[in-house]
Amino acid sequence: MPVLEIEDLSVSYGAVHALTDVSFTAAEGEVTAVLGANGAGKTTLLRAITGLVRPRKGTVRYDGEQLDKMSVEKIVRHGVAHVPEGRSVIEEMTVDENLRLGALWRFSRRQRGPVIEEIYGLFPPLAERRRQHANTLSGGERQMLAIGRALVSRPKVLLLDEPSLGLAPIVTARLMAVLRDLTQASNLIVVLVEQNARSSLSIAQKAVVINLGRVVVCDDAAKLAGDTELRHHYLGY
C-alpha cells in the first residue's frame, strides 16, 4: 500500500529551527491528525511536504518516490494536494469556475463535468450556489469550496491546514464527517493539521503531536483521545 513517509525532517528559517528530526508515516484510507500549539511547526511541515519550503535535512517520500527533491509542480502532479489555512479560493470567480480550475490540468473538458458533479454530491451547499461568486459564500461554504477544488484533481494525498478555523461547530462537524467518509471510501491519505484536537481526533486513525518543532507523541488517535494526562499537557483539554 502506498504510504507517505516523513523521515528525520528538519527545517530552519535562518537561525530558527522550525522542525527538528520529525518522523512519521501516513497510510492509505486513514486520517493522520497533526496537533500542537500555535508555532509548533505544523504549517511548516505541510509546506515542506509540498515543496514550498526546503528541508535542511531529512526526506519526504510517497509510494517510494522522494518528493523533497521534486519541484512544487511535480509534487502536485504526483498526486499531492494542499489546502492552506485561509480558505484559498478565487473570490472573483464562481463556485463552478473555481472547481473547473482545479480540474483543468487533470481532466479533458468532457471529463470535468462528471468529476465536478461528484464534488457537488459531497458538498450539497456548493451545488445550490454553483453560479455564485466565491466572495458571496459563507465561511463554511468557502472552506468546502477550497477542499472541493483540491479534491477535483483526484489527489492521492490531501494536506489540510486548519480547515475548521473560524467555523461554527455544526459546520465543523459536517466537514469532518465528509473527510472521514471520503478517506475511507477512496483510500485517500489525509494529513490534517488542526488546533481543534477534539474534532480531528474523532475522525483520525493516527495522531502526531508536535511541540516546539519536535514530535512528542505519535500514536493511535483513539489512545491519545483517551489519555487525559497527555491531552491536558499538550492539547489543553
C-alpha atoms as a PDB file:
ATOM      1  CA  MET A   1       0.000   0.000   0.000  1.00  0.00           C
ATOM      2  CA  PRO A   2       1.314   3.483  -0.845  1.00  0.00           C
ATOM      3  CA  VAL A   3       2.419   5.364   2.261  1.00  0.00           C
ATOM      4  CA  LEU A   4       3.525   8.938   2.889  1.00  0.00           C
ATOM      5  CA  GLU A   5       6.810   8.755   4.821  1.00  0.00           C
ATOM      6  CA  ILE A   6       8.376  11.653   6.709  1.00  0.00           C
ATOM      7  CA  GLU A   7      11.850  10.781   7.987  1.00  0.00           C
ATOM      8  CA  ASP A   8      14.132  12.942  10.165  1.00  0.00           C
ATOM      9  CA  LEU A   9      12.717  16.122   8.605  1.00  0.00           C
ATOM     10  CA  SER A  10      14.355  19.349   9.790  1.00  0.00           C
ATOM     11  CA  VAL A  11      13.506  22.848   8.551  1.00  0.00           C
ATOM     12  CA  SER A  12      15.119  26.122   9.581  1.00  0.00           C
ATOM     13  CA  TYR A  13      14.344  29.773   8.908  1.00  0.00           C
ATOM     14  CA  GLY A  14      17.772  31.302   9.414  1.00  0.00           C
ATOM     15  CA  ALA A  15      18.753  30.586  12.998  1.00  0.00           C
ATOM     16  CA  VAL A  16      15.234  29.463  13.948  1.00  0.00           C
ATOM     17  CA  HIS A  17      14.669  25.696  13.917  1.00  0.00           C
ATOM     18  CA  ALA A  18      11.038  25.238  12.899  1.00  0.00           C
ATOM     19  CA  LEU A  19      11.190  21.425  12.671  1.00  0.00           C
ATOM     20  CA  THR A  20      13.764  19.048  14.126  1.00  0.00           C
ATOM     21  CA  ASP A  21      14.010  15.356  13.182  1.00  0.00           C
ATOM     22  CA  VAL A  22      10.285  14.910  12.529  1.00  0.00           C
ATOM     23  CA  SER A  23       9.364  11.338  11.525  1.00  0.00           C
ATOM     24  CA  PHE A  24       6.042   9.572  10.985  1.00  0.00           C
ATOM     25  CA  THR A  25       4.094   7.718   8.301  1.00  0.00           C
ATOM     26  CA  ALA A  26       0.567   8.247   6.960  1.00  0.00           C
ATOM     27  CA  ALA A  27      -1.292   5.367   5.320  1.00  0.00           C
ATOM     28  CA  GLU A  28      -3.952   4.988   2.639  1.00  0.00           C
ATOM     29  CA  GLY A  29      -7.538   5.188   3.823  1.00  0.00           C
ATOM     30  CA  GLU A  30      -6.564   6.931   7.045  1.00  0.00           C
ATOM     31  CA  VAL A  31      -6.624  10.401   8.543  1.00  0.00           C
ATOM     32  CA  THR A  32      -3.445  11.386  10.360  1.00  0.00           C
ATOM     33  CA  ALA A  33      -4.097  14.298  12.714  1.00  0.00           C
ATOM     34  CA  VAL A  34      -1.133  16.611  13.318  1.00  0.00           C
ATOM     35  CA  LEU A  35      -1.732  18.536  16.529  1.00  0.00           C
ATOM     36  CA  GLY A  36       0.059  21.132  18.598  1.00  0.00           C
ATOM     37  CA  ALA A  37       0.011  24.735  19.768  1.00  0.00           C
ATOM     38  CA  ASN A  38       0.470  27.781  17.542  1.00  0.00           C
ATOM     39  CA  GLY A  39       4.072  27.987  16.418  1.00  0.00           C
ATOM     40  CA  ALA A  40       4.713  24.276  16.938  1.00  0.00           C
ATOM     41  CA  GLY A  41       5.726  23.809  13.304  1.00  0.00           C
ATOM     42  CA  LYS A  42       2.580  22.205  11.878  1.00  0.00           C
ATOM     43  CA  THR A  43       2.182  24.564   8.903  1.00  0.00           C
ATOM     44  CA  THR A  44       5.902  24.339   8.135  1.00  0.00           C
ATOM     45  CA  LEU A  45       5.522  20.558   7.997  1.00  0.00           C
ATOM     46  CA  LEU A  46       2.847  20.770   5.300  1.00  0.00           C
ATOM     47  CA  ARG A  47       4.841  23.356   3.361  1.00  0.00           C
ATOM     48  CA  ALA A  48       7.882  21.068   3.451  1.00  0.00           C
ATOM     49  CA  ILE A  49       5.852  18.126   2.126  1.00  0.00           C
ATOM     50  CA  THR A  50       4.598  20.209  -0.809  1.00  0.00           C
ATOM     51  CA  GLY A  51       7.994  21.726  -1.604  1.00  0.00           C
ATOM     52  CA  LEU A  52       7.101  25.285  -0.611  1.00  0.00           C
ATOM     53  CA  VAL A  53       9.999  25.203   1.849  1.00  0.00           C
ATOM     54  CA  ARG A  54      13.065  23.010   1.511  1.00  0.00           C
ATOM     55  CA  PRO A  55      14.215  20.881   4.430  1.00  0.00           C
ATOM     56  CA  ARG A  56      17.667  21.334   5.914  1.00  0.00           C
ATOM     57  CA  LYS A  57      17.802  17.555   6.188  1.00  0.00           C
ATOM     58  CA  GLY A  58      15.557  14.519   6.083  1.00  0.00           C
ATOM     59  CA  THR A  59      13.296  13.049   3.406  1.00  0.00           C
ATOM     60  CA  VAL A  60       9.666  13.047   2.280  1.00  0.00           C
ATOM     61  CA  ARG A  61       8.563  10.004   0.260  1.00  0.00           C
ATOM     62  CA  TYR A  62       5.290   8.902  -1.248  1.00  0.00           C
ATOM     63  CA  ASP A  63       4.946   5.406  -2.677  1.00  0.00           C
ATOM     64  CA  GLY A  64       8.740   5.125  -2.681  1.00  0.00           C
ATOM     65  CA  GLU A  65       9.287   8.369  -4.634  1.00  0.00           C
ATOM     66  CA  GLN A  66      11.329  11.098  -2.909  1.00  0.00           C
ATOM     67  CA  LEU A  67       9.205  14.242  -3.004  1.00  0.00           C
ATOM     68  CA  ASP A  68      11.679  16.608  -1.344  1.00  0.00           C
ATOM     69  CA  LYS A  69      13.837  16.521  -4.484  1.00  0.00           C
ATOM     70  CA  MET A  70      10.931  17.498  -6.767  1.00  0.00           C
ATOM     71  CA  SER A  71       9.597  20.912  -7.808  1.00  0.00           C
ATOM     72  CA  VAL A  72       6.274  22.101  -6.373  1.00  0.00           C
ATOM     73  CA  GLU A  73       4.570  21.488  -9.734  1.00  0.00           C
ATOM     74  CA  LYS A  74       5.882  17.937  -9.963  1.00  0.00           C
ATOM     75  CA  ILE A  75       4.760  17.168  -6.407  1.00  0.00           C
ATOM     76  CA  VAL A  76       1.236  18.327  -7.319  1.00  0.00           C
ATOM     77  CA  ARG A  77       1.245  16.162 -10.441  1.00  0.00           C
ATOM     78  CA  HIS A  78       2.466  13.279  -8.316  1.00  0.00           C
ATOM     79  CA  GLY A  79      -0.881  13.423  -6.525  1.00  0.00           C
ATOM     80  CA  VAL A  80      -0.331  15.698  -3.512  1.00  0.00           C
ATOM     81  CA  ALA A  81      -2.955  18.407  -2.907  1.00  0.00           C
ATOM     82  CA  HIS A  82      -2.551  21.118  -0.269  1.00  0.00           C
ATOM     83  CA  VAL A  83      -5.345  23.268   1.181  1.00  0.00           C
ATOM     84  CA  PRO A  84      -3.564  26.025   3.133  1.00  0.00           C
ATOM     85  CA  GLU A  85      -5.042  27.919   6.046  1.00  0.00           C
ATOM     86  CA  GLY A  86      -7.296  30.782   4.988  1.00  0.00           C
ATOM     87  CA  ARG A  87      -9.781  29.151   2.575  1.00  0.00           C
ATOM     88  CA  SER A  88      -7.826  29.884  -0.575  1.00  0.00           C
ATOM     89  CA  VAL A  89     -10.428  30.393  -3.274  1.00  0.00           C
ATOM     90  CA  ILE A  90     -10.530  32.900  -6.120  1.00  0.00           C
ATOM     91  CA  GLU A  91     -13.246  35.256  -4.930  1.00  0.00           C
ATOM     92  CA  GLU A  92     -13.915  36.889  -8.313  1.00  0.00           C
ATOM     93  CA  MET A  93     -14.785  33.513  -9.860  1.00  0.00           C
ATOM     94  CA  THR A  94     -17.960  31.494  -9.395  1.00  0.00           C
ATOM     95  CA  VAL A  95     -18.083  28.252  -7.436  1.00  0.00           C
ATOM     96  CA  ASP A  96     -18.219  26.298 -10.698  1.00  0.00           C
ATOM     97  CA  GLU A  97     -15.311  28.221 -12.193  1.00  0.00           C
ATOM     98  CA  ASN A  98     -13.175  27.555  -9.107  1.00  0.00           C
ATOM     99  CA  LEU A  99     -13.847  23.830  -9.384  1.00  0.00           C
ATOM    100  CA  ARG A 100     -13.174  23.783 -13.128  1.00  0.00           C
ATOM    101  CA  LEU A 101      -9.872  25.497 -12.481  1.00  0.00           C
ATOM    102  CA  GLY A 102      -8.942  22.726 -10.053  1.00  0.00           C
ATOM    103  CA  ALA A 103      -9.709  20.097 -12.692  1.00  0.00           C
ATOM    104  CA  LEU A 104      -8.035  21.961 -15.557  1.00  0.00           C
ATOM    105  CA  TRP A 105      -4.676  20.183 -15.662  1.00  0.00           C
ATOM    106  CA  ARG A 106      -6.047  16.747 -14.719  1.00  0.00           C
ATOM    107  CA  PHE A 107      -9.057  16.185 -16.994  1.00  0.00           C
ATOM    108  CA  SER A 108     -10.239  16.999 -20.505  1.00  0.00           C
ATOM    109  CA  ARG A 109     -13.162  19.389 -20.946  1.00  0.00           C
ATOM    110  CA  ARG A 110     -15.553  16.455 -21.463  1.00  0.00           C
ATOM    111  CA  GLN A 111     -14.346  14.645 -18.336  1.00  0.00           C
ATOM    112  CA  ARG A 112     -14.551  17.651 -16.000  1.00  0.00           C
ATOM    113  CA  GLY A 113     -18.341  17.782 -15.720  1.00  0.00           C
ATOM    114  CA  PRO A 114     -18.884  14.365 -14.048  1.00  0.00           C
ATOM    115  CA  VAL A 115     -15.923  14.893 -11.709  1.00  0.00           C
ATOM    116  CA  ILE A 116     -17.237  18.275 -10.600  1.00  0.00           C
ATOM    117  CA  GLU A 117     -20.691  16.777 -10.026  1.00  0.00           C
ATOM    118  CA  GLU A 118     -19.048  14.348  -7.583  1.00  0.00           C
ATOM    119  CA  ILE A 119     -17.813  17.335  -5.569  1.00  0.00           C
ATOM    120  CA  TYR A 120     -21.325  18.790  -5.540  1.00  0.00           C
ATOM    121  CA  GLY A 121     -22.501  15.429  -4.210  1.00  0.00           C
ATOM    122  CA  LEU A 122     -20.008  15.653  -1.365  1.00  0.00           C
ATOM    123  CA  PHE A 123     -20.882  19.284  -0.581  1.00  0.00           C
ATOM    124  CA  PRO A 124     -24.569  19.925  -1.475  1.00  0.00           C
ATOM    125  CA  PRO A 125     -24.463  23.612  -0.385  1.00  0.00           C
ATOM    126  CA  LEU A 126     -21.980  24.257  -3.212  1.00  0.00           C
ATOM    127  CA  ALA A 127     -24.354  22.741  -5.765  1.00  0.00           C
ATOM    128  CA  GLU A 128     -27.015  25.261  -4.762  1.00  0.00           C
ATOM    129  CA  ARG A 129     -24.544  28.118  -5.242  1.00  0.00           C
ATOM    130  CA  ARG A 130     -22.603  26.948  -8.288  1.00  0.00           C
ATOM    131  CA  ARG A 131     -23.278  30.186 -10.212  1.00  0.00           C
ATOM    132  CA  GLN A 132     -22.493  32.469  -7.273  1.00  0.00           C
ATOM    133  CA  HIS A 133     -19.156  34.232  -6.929  1.00  0.00           C
ATOM    134  CA  ALA A 134     -16.965  32.818  -4.176  1.00  0.00           C
ATOM    135  CA  ASN A 135     -16.959  36.141  -2.309  1.00  0.00           C
ATOM    136  CA  THR A 136     -20.694  35.703  -1.607  1.00  0.00           C
ATOM    137  CA  LEU A 137     -20.220  32.402   0.245  1.00  0.00           C
ATOM    138  CA  SER A 138     -20.214  31.879   3.996  1.00  0.00           C
ATOM    139  CA  GLY A 139     -17.008  30.848   5.752  1.00  0.00           C
ATOM    140  CA  GLY A 140     -18.060  27.203   5.837  1.00  0.00           C
ATOM    141  CA  GLU A 141     -19.002  27.225   2.157  1.00  0.00           C
ATOM    142  CA  ARG A 142     -15.659  28.775   1.215  1.00  0.00           C
ATOM    143  CA  GLN A 143     -13.859  26.025   3.104  1.00  0.00           C
ATOM    144  CA  MET A 144     -15.942  23.406   1.304  1.00  0.00           C
ATOM    145  CA  LEU A 145     -15.005  25.049  -1.988  1.00  0.00           C
ATOM    146  CA  ALA A 146     -11.290  25.128  -1.114  1.00  0.00           C
ATOM    147  CA  ILE A 147     -11.359  21.433  -0.236  1.00  0.00           C
ATOM    148  CA  GLY A 148     -13.523  20.628  -3.266  1.00  0.00           C
ATOM    149  CA  ARG A 149     -11.084  22.389  -5.572  1.00  0.00           C
ATOM    150  CA  ALA A 150      -8.278  20.228  -4.168  1.00  0.00           C
ATOM    151  CA  LEU A 151     -10.325  17.028  -4.436  1.00  0.00           C
ATOM    152  CA  VAL A 152     -11.446  17.642  -8.007  1.00  0.00           C
ATOM    153  CA  SER A 153      -7.929  16.783  -9.204  1.00  0.00           C
ATOM    154  CA  ARG A 154      -8.354  13.313  -7.639  1.00  0.00           C
ATOM    155  CA  PRO A 155      -5.291  13.536  -5.368  1.00  0.00           C
ATOM    156  CA  LYS A 156      -3.702  10.583  -3.610  1.00  0.00           C
ATOM    157  CA  VAL A 157      -2.548  12.691  -0.651  1.00  0.00           C
ATOM    158  CA  LEU A 158      -4.600  15.567   0.807  1.00  0.00           C
ATOM    159  CA  LEU A 159      -2.948  18.020   3.212  1.00  0.00           C
ATOM    160  CA  LEU A 160      -5.329  20.258   5.164  1.00  0.00           C
ATOM    161  CA  ASP A 161      -4.192  23.200   7.289  1.00  0.00           C
ATOM    162  CA  GLU A 162      -6.725  24.279   9.953  1.00  0.00           C
ATOM    163  CA  PRO A 163      -9.880  23.593   7.889  1.00  0.00           C
ATOM    164  CA  SER A 164     -12.171  24.268  10.866  1.00  0.00           C
ATOM    165  CA  LEU A 165     -10.678  27.658  11.751  1.00  0.00           C
ATOM    166  CA  GLY A 166     -13.437  30.184  12.367  1.00  0.00           C
ATOM    167  CA  LEU A 167     -16.267  27.773  11.543  1.00  0.00           C
ATOM    168  CA  ALA A 168     -19.364  27.134  13.634  1.00  0.00           C
ATOM    169  CA  PRO A 169     -19.324  23.781  15.493  1.00  0.00           C
ATOM    170  CA  ILE A 170     -22.127  22.320  13.369  1.00  0.00           C
ATOM    171  CA  VAL A 171     -20.264  23.206  10.156  1.00  0.00           C
ATOM    172  CA  THR A 172     -17.037  21.750  11.554  1.00  0.00           C
ATOM    173  CA  ALA A 173     -18.826  18.500  12.438  1.00  0.00           C
ATOM    174  CA  ARG A 174     -20.277  18.240   8.915  1.00  0.00           C
ATOM    175  CA  LEU A 175     -16.890  18.919   7.331  1.00  0.00           C
ATOM    176  CA  MET A 176     -15.130  16.331   9.494  1.00  0.00           C
ATOM    177  CA  ALA A 177     -17.773  13.715   8.678  1.00  0.00           C
ATOM    178  CA  VAL A 178     -17.253  14.280   4.939  1.00  0.00           C
ATOM    179  CA  LEU A 179     -13.474  13.949   5.328  1.00  0.00           C
ATOM    180  CA  ARG A 180     -13.822  10.731   7.346  1.00  0.00           C
ATOM    181  CA  ASP A 181     -16.198   9.096   4.872  1.00  0.00           C
ATOM    182  CA  LEU A 182     -14.271  10.253   1.806  1.00  0.00           C
ATOM    183  CA  THR A 183     -10.934   8.998   3.142  1.00  0.00           C
ATOM    184  CA  GLN A 184     -12.273   5.539   3.858  1.00  0.00           C
ATOM    185  CA  ALA A 185     -14.197   5.289   0.574  1.00  0.00           C
ATOM    186  CA  SER A 186     -11.376   6.407  -1.717  1.00  0.00           C
ATOM    187  CA  ASN A 187      -8.232   5.179   0.100  1.00  0.00           C
ATOM    188  CA  LEU A 188      -7.038   8.761   0.254  1.00  0.00           C
ATOM    189  CA  ILE A 189      -4.158   9.692   2.562  1.00  0.00           C
ATOM    190  CA  VAL A 190      -5.215  12.711   4.642  1.00  0.00           C
ATOM    191  CA  VAL A 191      -2.844  14.703   6.843  1.00  0.00           C
ATOM    192  CA  LEU A 192      -4.997  17.020   8.928  1.00  0.00           C
ATOM    193  CA  VAL A 193      -3.348  19.907  10.788  1.00  0.00           C
ATOM    194  CA  GLU A 194      -5.754  21.177  13.429  1.00  0.00           C
ATOM    195  CA  GLN A 195      -5.928  23.108  16.670  1.00  0.00           C
ATOM    196  CA  ASN A 196      -9.404  21.675  17.217  1.00  0.00           C
ATOM    197  CA  ALA A 197      -7.952  18.477  18.651  1.00  0.00           C
ATOM    198  CA  ARG A 198     -11.273  17.045  19.798  1.00  0.00           C
ATOM    199  CA  SER A 199     -12.796  17.169  16.290  1.00  0.00           C
ATOM    200  CA  SER A 200      -9.727  15.899  14.481  1.00  0.00           C
ATOM    201  CA  LEU A 201      -9.157  13.003  16.882  1.00  0.00           C
ATOM    202  CA  SER A 202     -12.779  11.934  16.397  1.00  0.00           C
ATOM    203  CA  ILE A 203     -12.122  11.088  12.725  1.00  0.00           C
ATOM    204  CA  ALA A 204      -8.387  10.249  12.747  1.00  0.00           C
ATOM    205  CA  GLN A 205      -6.742   6.856  12.975  1.00  0.00           C
ATOM    206  CA  LYS A 206      -3.298   8.203  13.891  1.00  0.00           C
ATOM    207  CA  ALA A 207      -2.265  11.265  15.879  1.00  0.00           C
ATOM    208  CA  VAL A 208       1.051  13.118  15.752  1.00  0.00           C
ATOM    209  CA  VAL A 209       1.661  15.819  18.366  1.00  0.00           C
ATOM    210  CA  ILE A 210       4.358  18.404  17.611  1.00  0.00           C
ATOM    211  CA  ASN A 211       5.789  20.621  20.327  1.00  0.00           C
ATOM    212  CA  LEU A 212       8.446  23.244  19.546  1.00  0.00           C
ATOM    213  CA  GLY A 213       9.233  21.587  16.231  1.00  0.00           C
ATOM    214  CA  ARG A 214       9.640  18.048  17.553  1.00  0.00           C
ATOM    215  CA  VAL A 215       7.329  15.036  17.577  1.00  0.00           C
ATOM    216  CA  VAL A 216       6.450  14.289  21.195  1.00  0.00           C
ATOM    217  CA  VAL A 217       3.632  11.807  20.574  1.00  0.00           C
ATOM    218  CA  CYS A 218       2.942   9.517  17.604  1.00  0.00           C
ATOM    219  CA  ASP A 219       0.230   7.020  18.423  1.00  0.00           C
ATOM    220  CA  ASP A 220      -3.234   5.696  17.745  1.00  0.00           C
ATOM    221  CA  ALA A 221      -5.702   8.593  17.751  1.00  0.00           C
ATOM    222  CA  ALA A 222      -8.198   6.829  19.986  1.00  0.00           C
ATOM    223  CA  LYS A 223      -5.466   6.071  22.502  1.00  0.00           C
ATOM    224  CA  LEU A 224      -4.389   9.714  22.624  1.00  0.00           C
ATOM    225  CA  ALA A 225      -8.005  10.867  22.944  1.00  0.00           C
ATOM    226  CA  GLY A 226      -8.387   8.584  25.951  1.00  0.00           C
ATOM    227  CA  ASP A 227      -5.162   9.670  27.672  1.00  0.00           C
ATOM    228  CA  THR A 228      -6.273  12.516  29.904  1.00  0.00           C
ATOM    229  CA  GLU A 229      -2.784  13.410  31.095  1.00  0.00           C
ATOM    230  CA  LEU A 230      -1.328  13.703  27.579  1.00  0.00           C
ATOM    231  CA  ARG A 231      -4.333  15.671  26.342  1.00  0.00           C
ATOM    232  CA  HIS A 232      -4.092  18.154  29.197  1.00  0.00           C
ATOM    233  CA  HIS A 233      -0.352  18.542  28.799  1.00  0.00           C
ATOM    234  CA  TYR A 234      -0.145  19.004  25.032  1.00  0.00           C
ATOM    235  CA  LEU A 235      -3.634  19.734  23.733  1.00  0.00           C
ATOM    236  CA  GLY A 236      -5.200  21.754  26.515  1.00  0.00           C
ATOM    237  CA  TYR A 237      -8.431  19.809  27.057  1.00  0.00           C
END
